């Protein structure tokens, strides 16, 4: 029996609930969302999961590493969870500032979109992927090879002047990705003593997001 923390009770949070419950009827499911209405509709009545009304990142900052025990964290909110958790939690007040990701990273995938803080959203797919893609070694839509996961490619990346830290999003059910809490804690520890620049990424086999940071003062 696994314990899952699902952050977000919207469309993708609901899909995670549905598919994890089918896979493991005994799974312990905790869903966090700021909307009590979303929790009631999507979580408590339908799936017998527990719900907490709270802002997802703030809940994670408060709970992670303080006795909370989950096997997996599943991000289902429209932001880069690992980066937001770092900025609001372990790195808050330690002199880290957000940078634009080096533009050469945009060449890693056919689709690369820059966000408002200079982050990059990467995708190997030029099409809309099925929400239950099983992440095979070849794209089920185009047949293109996918042997090397994007998270491995990012981890092997040599960006001059940057330390690269990547959290692999592993498939837990069709279309449902997540990672162990220890990945976040290890990430914070890796950056704690760093002086300089860092790339922080979360990626699955075909899609990912990368933020850049620089420690300029304090700490």
C-alpha atoms as a PDB file:
ATOM      1  CA  UNK A   1       0.000   0.000   0.000  1.00  0.00           C
ATOM      2  CA  UNK A   2       1.547   3.278  -1.130  1.00  0.00           C
ATOM      3  CA  UNK A   3       0.934   6.779   0.211  1.00  0.00           C
ATOM      4  CA  UNK A   4       0.429   9.563  -2.325  1.00  0.00           C
ATOM      5  CA  UNK A   5       0.339  13.322  -1.889  1.00  0.00           C
ATOM      6  CA  UNK A   6      -1.518  14.875  -4.823  1.00  0.00           C
ATOM      7  CA  UNK A   7      -1.116  18.628  -5.072  1.00  0.00           C
ATOM      8  CA  UNK A   8      -4.098  20.028  -6.946  1.00  0.00           C
ATOM      9  CA  UNK A   9      -7.705  18.853  -7.310  1.00  0.00           C
ATOM     10  CA  UNK A  10      -8.299  20.042 -10.867  1.00  0.00           C
ATOM     11  CA  UNK A  11      -8.394  17.991 -14.058  1.00  0.00           C
ATOM     12  CA  UNK A  12      -5.015  16.323 -13.615  1.00  0.00           C
ATOM     13  CA  UNK A  13      -5.466  15.789  -9.907  1.00  0.00           C
ATOM     14  CA  UNK A  14      -8.696  13.984 -10.668  1.00  0.00           C
ATOM     15  CA  UNK A  15      -7.024  11.817 -13.309  1.00  0.00           C
ATOM     16  CA  UNK A  16      -4.334  10.910 -10.792  1.00  0.00           C
ATOM     17  CA  UNK A  17      -6.991   9.933  -8.242  1.00  0.00           C
ATOM     18  CA  UNK A  18      -8.917   7.819 -10.726  1.00  0.00           C
ATOM     19  CA  UNK A  19      -5.926   5.934 -12.053  1.00  0.00           C
ATOM     20  CA  UNK A  20      -4.145   5.396  -8.774  1.00  0.00           C
ATOM     21  CA  UNK A  21      -7.336   4.115  -7.151  1.00  0.00           C
ATOM     22  CA  UNK A  22      -7.860   1.634  -9.988  1.00  0.00           C
ATOM     23  CA  UNK A  23      -4.264   0.487  -9.635  1.00  0.00           C
ATOM     24  CA  UNK A  24      -4.308   0.144  -5.848  1.00  0.00           C
ATOM     25  CA  UNK A  25      -7.600   0.067  -3.970  1.00  0.00           C
ATOM     26  CA  UNK A  26      -5.757   0.328  -0.660  1.00  0.00           C
ATOM     27  CA  UNK A  27      -3.624   3.326  -1.593  1.00  0.00           C
ATOM     28  CA  UNK A  28      -3.657   6.232   0.857  1.00  0.00           C
ATOM     29  CA  UNK A  29      -4.499   9.374  -1.106  1.00  0.00           C
ATOM     30  CA  UNK A  30      -4.138  12.896   0.290  1.00  0.00           C
ATOM     31  CA  UNK A  31      -5.156  15.784  -1.970  1.00  0.00           C
ATOM     32  CA  UNK A  32      -4.349  19.435  -1.313  1.00  0.00           C
ATOM     33  CA  UNK A  33      -6.150  22.298  -3.027  1.00  0.00           C
ATOM     34  CA  UNK A  34      -7.096  25.849  -2.099  1.00  0.00           C
ATOM     35  CA  UNK A  35     -10.697  25.238  -3.218  1.00  0.00           C
ATOM     36  CA  UNK A  36     -12.976  23.473  -0.746  1.00  0.00           C
ATOM     37  CA  UNK A  37     -15.489  22.988  -3.543  1.00  0.00           C
ATOM     38  CA  UNK A  38     -12.947  21.217  -5.747  1.00  0.00           C
ATOM     39  CA  UNK A  39     -11.923  18.966  -2.889  1.00  0.00           C
ATOM     40  CA  UNK A  40     -15.484  18.023  -2.055  1.00  0.00           C
ATOM     41  CA  UNK A  41     -16.390  17.311  -5.669  1.00  0.00           C
ATOM     42  CA  UNK A  42     -13.247  15.543  -6.764  1.00  0.00           C
ATOM     43  CA  UNK A  43     -11.818  13.926  -3.695  1.00  0.00           C
ATOM     44  CA  UNK A  44     -13.926  13.114  -0.695  1.00  0.00           C
ATOM     45  CA  UNK A  45     -17.180  12.032  -2.302  1.00  0.00           C
ATOM     46  CA  UNK A  46     -15.829  10.248  -5.357  1.00  0.00           C
ATOM     47  CA  UNK A  47     -12.654   8.502  -4.302  1.00  0.00           C
ATOM     48  CA  UNK A  48     -12.672   8.236  -0.530  1.00  0.00           C
ATOM     49  CA  UNK A  49      -9.447  10.205  -0.336  1.00  0.00           C
ATOM     50  CA  UNK A  50      -8.489  12.692   2.338  1.00  0.00           C
ATOM     51  CA  UNK A  51      -8.483  16.376   1.445  1.00  0.00           C
ATOM     52  CA  UNK A  52      -6.760  19.433   2.853  1.00  0.00           C
ATOM     53  CA  UNK A  53      -7.870  22.943   1.954  1.00  0.00           C
ATOM     54  CA  UNK A  54      -4.616  24.861   1.520  1.00  0.00           C
ATOM     55  CA  UNK A  55      -2.365  26.435  -1.070  1.00  0.00           C
ATOM     56  CA  UNK A  56      -0.327  23.533  -2.428  1.00  0.00           C
ATOM     57  CA  UNK A  57       3.210  24.934  -2.277  1.00  0.00           C
ATOM     58  CA  UNK A  58       2.682  26.505   1.151  1.00  0.00           C
ATOM     59  CA  UNK A  59       1.390  23.162   2.444  1.00  0.00           C
ATOM     60  CA  UNK A  60       4.476  21.391   1.103  1.00  0.00           C
ATOM     61  CA  UNK A  61       6.813  23.970   2.625  1.00  0.00           C
ATOM     62  CA  UNK A  62       5.135  23.528   5.991  1.00  0.00           C
ATOM     63  CA  UNK A  63       4.886  19.737   5.896  1.00  0.00           C
ATOM     64  CA  UNK A  64       7.840  18.252   4.054  1.00  0.00           C
ATOM     65  CA  UNK A  65      10.579  17.006   6.330  1.00  0.00           C
ATOM     66  CA  UNK A  66       8.551  17.570   9.481  1.00  0.00           C
ATOM     67  CA  UNK A  67       7.271  14.074  10.084  1.00  0.00           C
ATOM     68  CA  UNK A  68       4.946  13.885   7.093  1.00  0.00           C
ATOM     69  CA  UNK A  69       5.235  10.489   5.427  1.00  0.00           C
ATOM     70  CA  UNK A  70       4.402   9.995   1.753  1.00  0.00           C
ATOM     71  CA  UNK A  71       5.934   7.623  -0.727  1.00  0.00           C
ATOM     72  CA  UNK A  72       5.188   9.840  -3.714  1.00  0.00           C
ATOM     73  CA  UNK A  73       4.434  13.476  -4.488  1.00  0.00           C
ATOM     74  CA  UNK A  74       2.306  14.105  -7.583  1.00  0.00           C
ATOM     75  CA  UNK A  75       2.299  17.708  -8.852  1.00  0.00           C
ATOM     76  CA  UNK A  76      -1.038  18.633 -10.444  1.00  0.00           C
ATOM     77  CA  UNK A  77      -0.805  22.426 -10.271  1.00  0.00           C
ATOM     78  CA  UNK A  78       0.116  24.862 -13.080  1.00  0.00           C
ATOM     79  CA  UNK A  79       3.592  25.730 -11.836  1.00  0.00           C
ATOM     80  CA  UNK A  80       7.027  24.161 -11.394  1.00  0.00           C
ATOM     81  CA  UNK A  81       6.534  22.598  -7.978  1.00  0.00           C
ATOM     82  CA  UNK A  82      10.180  21.874  -7.169  1.00  0.00           C
ATOM     83  CA  UNK A  83      11.256  25.419  -8.007  1.00  0.00           C
ATOM     84  CA  UNK A  84       8.366  27.043  -6.139  1.00  0.00           C
ATOM     85  CA  UNK A  85       8.998  24.865  -3.081  1.00  0.00           C
ATOM     86  CA  UNK A  86      12.688  25.787  -3.087  1.00  0.00           C
ATOM     87  CA  UNK A  87      12.011  29.494  -3.437  1.00  0.00           C
ATOM     88  CA  UNK A  88       9.304  29.667  -0.784  1.00  0.00           C
ATOM     89  CA  UNK A  89      10.962  27.169   1.544  1.00  0.00           C
ATOM     90  CA  UNK A  90      14.609  26.108   1.838  1.00  0.00           C
ATOM     91  CA  UNK A  91      16.099  28.900  -0.305  1.00  0.00           C
ATOM     92  CA  UNK A  92      13.954  31.754   1.016  1.00  0.00           C
ATOM     93  CA  UNK A  93      16.139  34.575   2.355  1.00  0.00           C
ATOM     94  CA  UNK A  94      19.413  32.952   1.305  1.00  0.00           C
ATOM     95  CA  UNK A  95      20.372  35.299  -1.534  1.00  0.00           C
ATOM     96  CA  UNK A  96      19.056  33.312  -4.498  1.00  0.00           C
ATOM     97  CA  UNK A  97      17.595  35.210  -7.445  1.00  0.00           C
ATOM     98  CA  UNK A  98      15.840  33.961 -10.570  1.00  0.00           C
ATOM     99  CA  UNK A  99      17.644  34.146 -13.914  1.00  0.00           C
ATOM    100  CA  UNK A 100      16.671  33.503 -17.509  1.00  0.00           C
ATOM    101  CA  UNK A 101      17.594  29.975 -18.598  1.00  0.00           C
ATOM    102  CA  UNK A 102      20.491  29.996 -21.122  1.00  0.00           C
ATOM    103  CA  UNK A 103      18.923  30.191 -24.603  1.00  0.00           C
ATOM    104  CA  UNK A 104      20.931  27.246 -25.931  1.00  0.00           C
ATOM    105  CA  UNK A 105      18.785  24.899 -23.835  1.00  0.00           C
ATOM    106  CA  UNK A 106      15.908  25.658 -26.195  1.00  0.00           C
ATOM    107  CA  UNK A 107      17.618  23.460 -28.788  1.00  0.00           C
ATOM    108  CA  UNK A 108      17.171  20.322 -26.658  1.00  0.00           C
ATOM    109  CA  UNK A 109      13.611  19.680 -27.847  1.00  0.00           C
ATOM    110  CA  UNK A 110      11.492  20.541 -30.907  1.00  0.00           C
ATOM    111  CA  UNK A 111       9.237  22.711 -28.743  1.00  0.00           C
ATOM    112  CA  UNK A 112      10.642  25.178 -26.213  1.00  0.00           C
ATOM    113  CA  UNK A 113       8.577  27.999 -24.719  1.00  0.00           C
ATOM    114  CA  UNK A 114      10.003  30.652 -22.429  1.00  0.00           C
ATOM    115  CA  UNK A 115       7.949  31.583 -19.370  1.00  0.00           C
ATOM    116  CA  UNK A 116       7.568  34.954 -17.718  1.00  0.00           C
ATOM    117  CA  UNK A 117      10.452  34.393 -15.283  1.00  0.00           C
ATOM    118  CA  UNK A 118      12.837  33.176 -17.963  1.00  0.00           C
ATOM    119  CA  UNK A 119      12.106  29.476 -17.393  1.00  0.00           C
ATOM    120  CA  UNK A 120      11.861  27.059 -20.308  1.00  0.00           C
ATOM    121  CA  UNK A 121       9.064  24.583 -20.951  1.00  0.00           C
ATOM    122  CA  UNK A 122      10.420  21.765 -23.101  1.00  0.00           C
ATOM    123  CA  UNK A 123       8.573  19.158 -25.135  1.00  0.00           C
ATOM    124  CA  UNK A 124       9.616  16.518 -27.618  1.00  0.00           C
ATOM    125  CA  UNK A 125       6.067  16.451 -28.993  1.00  0.00           C
ATOM    126  CA  UNK A 126       4.690  18.907 -31.530  1.00  0.00           C
ATOM    127  CA  UNK A 127       1.229  17.487 -30.955  1.00  0.00           C
ATOM    128  CA  UNK A 128      -1.200  17.211 -28.038  1.00  0.00           C
ATOM    129  CA  UNK A 129      -0.262  14.052 -26.179  1.00  0.00           C
ATOM    130  CA  UNK A 130      -2.924  11.605 -24.936  1.00  0.00           C
ATOM    131  CA  UNK A 131      -3.404  12.115 -21.200  1.00  0.00           C
ATOM    132  CA  UNK A 132      -2.892   8.401 -20.573  1.00  0.00           C
ATOM    133  CA  UNK A 133       0.349   8.011 -22.516  1.00  0.00           C
ATOM    134  CA  UNK A 134       2.298   5.064 -21.044  1.00  0.00           C
ATOM    135  CA  UNK A 135       5.669   6.621 -22.002  1.00  0.00           C
ATOM    136  CA  UNK A 136       6.839   3.839 -24.335  1.00  0.00           C
ATOM    137  CA  UNK A 137      10.236   3.762 -26.034  1.00  0.00           C
ATOM    138  CA  UNK A 138       8.587   5.132 -29.175  1.00  0.00           C
ATOM    139  CA  UNK A 139       5.989   7.888 -29.346  1.00  0.00           C
ATOM    140  CA  UNK A 140       2.547   6.248 -29.703  1.00  0.00           C
ATOM    141  CA  UNK A 141       1.401   9.086 -31.983  1.00  0.00           C
ATOM    142  CA  UNK A 142       4.357   9.592 -34.353  1.00  0.00           C
ATOM    143  CA  UNK A 143       6.521   6.513 -33.801  1.00  0.00           C
ATOM    144  CA  UNK A 144       9.576   8.669 -33.081  1.00  0.00           C
ATOM    145  CA  UNK A 145      12.131   7.014 -30.772  1.00  0.00           C
ATOM    146  CA  UNK A 146      12.141   7.966 -27.088  1.00  0.00           C
ATOM    147  CA  UNK A 147      14.872   5.680 -25.736  1.00  0.00           C
ATOM    148  CA  UNK A 148      16.685   8.351 -23.729  1.00  0.00           C
ATOM    149  CA  UNK A 149      14.358  10.117 -21.291  1.00  0.00           C
ATOM    150  CA  UNK A 150      14.487  13.895 -21.286  1.00  0.00           C
ATOM    151  CA  UNK A 151      15.407  13.857 -17.584  1.00  0.00           C
ATOM    152  CA  UNK A 152      18.560  11.869 -18.408  1.00  0.00           C
ATOM    153  CA  UNK A 153      19.446  14.253 -21.202  1.00  0.00           C
ATOM    154  CA  UNK A 154      19.030  17.217 -18.874  1.00  0.00           C
ATOM    155  CA  UNK A 155      21.081  15.570 -16.117  1.00  0.00           C
ATOM    156  CA  UNK A 156      23.945  14.997 -18.579  1.00  0.00           C
ATOM    157  CA  UNK A 157      23.793  18.582 -19.805  1.00  0.00           C
ATOM    158  CA  UNK A 158      26.934  20.657 -19.482  1.00  0.00           C
ATOM    159  CA  UNK A 159      25.915  24.285 -19.140  1.00  0.00           C
ATOM    160  CA  UNK A 160      29.044  26.364 -18.434  1.00  0.00           C
ATOM    161  CA  UNK A 161      28.836  28.147 -15.113  1.00  0.00           C
ATOM    162  CA  UNK A 162      25.749  26.230 -13.947  1.00  0.00           C
ATOM    163  CA  UNK A 163      25.208  23.322 -11.612  1.00  0.00           C
ATOM    164  CA  UNK A 164      22.356  21.221 -12.996  1.00  0.00           C
ATOM    165  CA  UNK A 165      19.864  19.492 -10.702  1.00  0.00           C
ATOM    166  CA  UNK A 166      17.112  17.356 -12.215  1.00  0.00           C
ATOM    167  CA  UNK A 167      14.140  15.646 -10.591  1.00  0.00           C
ATOM    168  CA  UNK A 168      12.875  12.775 -12.759  1.00  0.00           C
ATOM    169  CA  UNK A 169       9.092  12.542 -12.902  1.00  0.00           C
ATOM    170  CA  UNK A 170       8.434   8.796 -12.950  1.00  0.00           C
ATOM    171  CA  UNK A 171       5.237   7.275 -14.257  1.00  0.00           C
ATOM    172  CA  UNK A 172       3.105   5.896 -11.424  1.00  0.00           C
ATOM    173  CA  UNK A 173      -0.001   5.196 -13.532  1.00  0.00           C
ATOM    174  CA  UNK A 174      -0.904   6.012 -17.153  1.00  0.00           C
ATOM    175  CA  UNK A 175      -0.359   9.741 -17.553  1.00  0.00           C
ATOM    176  CA  UNK A 176       0.428  10.213 -13.843  1.00  0.00           C
ATOM    177  CA  UNK A 177       3.931  11.286 -12.894  1.00  0.00           C
ATOM    178  CA  UNK A 178       5.562  11.885  -9.547  1.00  0.00           C
ATOM    179  CA  UNK A 179       8.682  11.580  -7.434  1.00  0.00           C
ATOM    180  CA  UNK A 180       9.643  10.578  -3.884  1.00  0.00           C
ATOM    181  CA  UNK A 181       9.779  13.385  -1.299  1.00  0.00           C
ATOM    182  CA  UNK A 182      13.432  12.588  -0.709  1.00  0.00           C
ATOM    183  CA  UNK A 183      14.215  13.965  -4.156  1.00  0.00           C
ATOM    184  CA  UNK A 184      13.149  17.440  -3.057  1.00  0.00           C
ATOM    185  CA  UNK A 185      15.039  17.243   0.230  1.00  0.00           C
ATOM    186  CA  UNK A 186      18.196  16.105  -1.575  1.00  0.00           C
ATOM    187  CA  UNK A 187      17.805  18.942  -4.065  1.00  0.00           C
ATOM    188  CA  UNK A 188      17.647  21.511  -1.269  1.00  0.00           C
ATOM    189  CA  UNK A 189      20.717  19.983   0.363  1.00  0.00           C
ATOM    190  CA  UNK A 190      22.666  20.085  -2.917  1.00  0.00           C
ATOM    191  CA  UNK A 191      21.959  23.794  -3.325  1.00  0.00           C
ATOM    192  CA  UNK A 192      22.438  24.772   0.327  1.00  0.00           C
ATOM    193  CA  UNK A 193      26.184  25.292   0.096  1.00  0.00           C
ATOM    194  CA  UNK A 194      26.378  26.315  -3.545  1.00  0.00           C
ATOM    195  CA  UNK A 195      27.710  29.704  -4.574  1.00  0.00           C
ATOM    196  CA  UNK A 196      26.956  30.669  -8.146  1.00  0.00           C
ATOM    197  CA  UNK A 197      24.356  29.540 -10.660  1.00  0.00           C
ATOM    198  CA  UNK A 198      22.064  26.529 -10.845  1.00  0.00           C
ATOM    199  CA  UNK A 199      19.562  25.001 -13.227  1.00  0.00           C
ATOM    200  CA  UNK A 200      16.619  23.279 -11.535  1.00  0.00           C
ATOM    201  CA  UNK A 201      14.555  20.985 -13.755  1.00  0.00           C
ATOM    202  CA  UNK A 202      11.727  18.506 -13.468  1.00  0.00           C
ATOM    203  CA  UNK A 203      11.140  16.234 -16.442  1.00  0.00           C
ATOM    204  CA  UNK A 204       9.576  12.992 -17.588  1.00  0.00           C
ATOM    205  CA  UNK A 205      10.519  11.065 -20.737  1.00  0.00           C
ATOM    206  CA  UNK A 206       9.255  13.731 -23.156  1.00  0.00           C
ATOM    207  CA  UNK A 207       8.410  16.955 -21.294  1.00  0.00           C
ATOM    208  CA  UNK A 208      10.092  19.176 -18.747  1.00  0.00           C
ATOM    209  CA  UNK A 209      10.515  22.594 -17.189  1.00  0.00           C
ATOM    210  CA  UNK A 210      13.791  24.304 -16.296  1.00  0.00           C
ATOM    211  CA  UNK A 211      14.378  27.314 -14.029  1.00  0.00           C
ATOM    212  CA  UNK A 212      17.683  29.121 -13.478  1.00  0.00           C
ATOM    213  CA  UNK A 213      18.915  30.620 -10.220  1.00  0.00           C
ATOM    214  CA  UNK A 214      21.947  32.532  -9.021  1.00  0.00           C
ATOM    215  CA  UNK A 215      23.150  32.999  -5.473  1.00  0.00           C
ATOM    216  CA  UNK A 216      24.396  36.566  -5.366  1.00  0.00           C
ATOM    217  CA  UNK A 217      24.427  37.458  -1.682  1.00  0.00           C
ATOM    218  CA  UNK A 218      23.500  36.254   1.764  1.00  0.00           C
ATOM    219  CA  UNK A 219      23.191  32.603   2.702  1.00  0.00           C
END
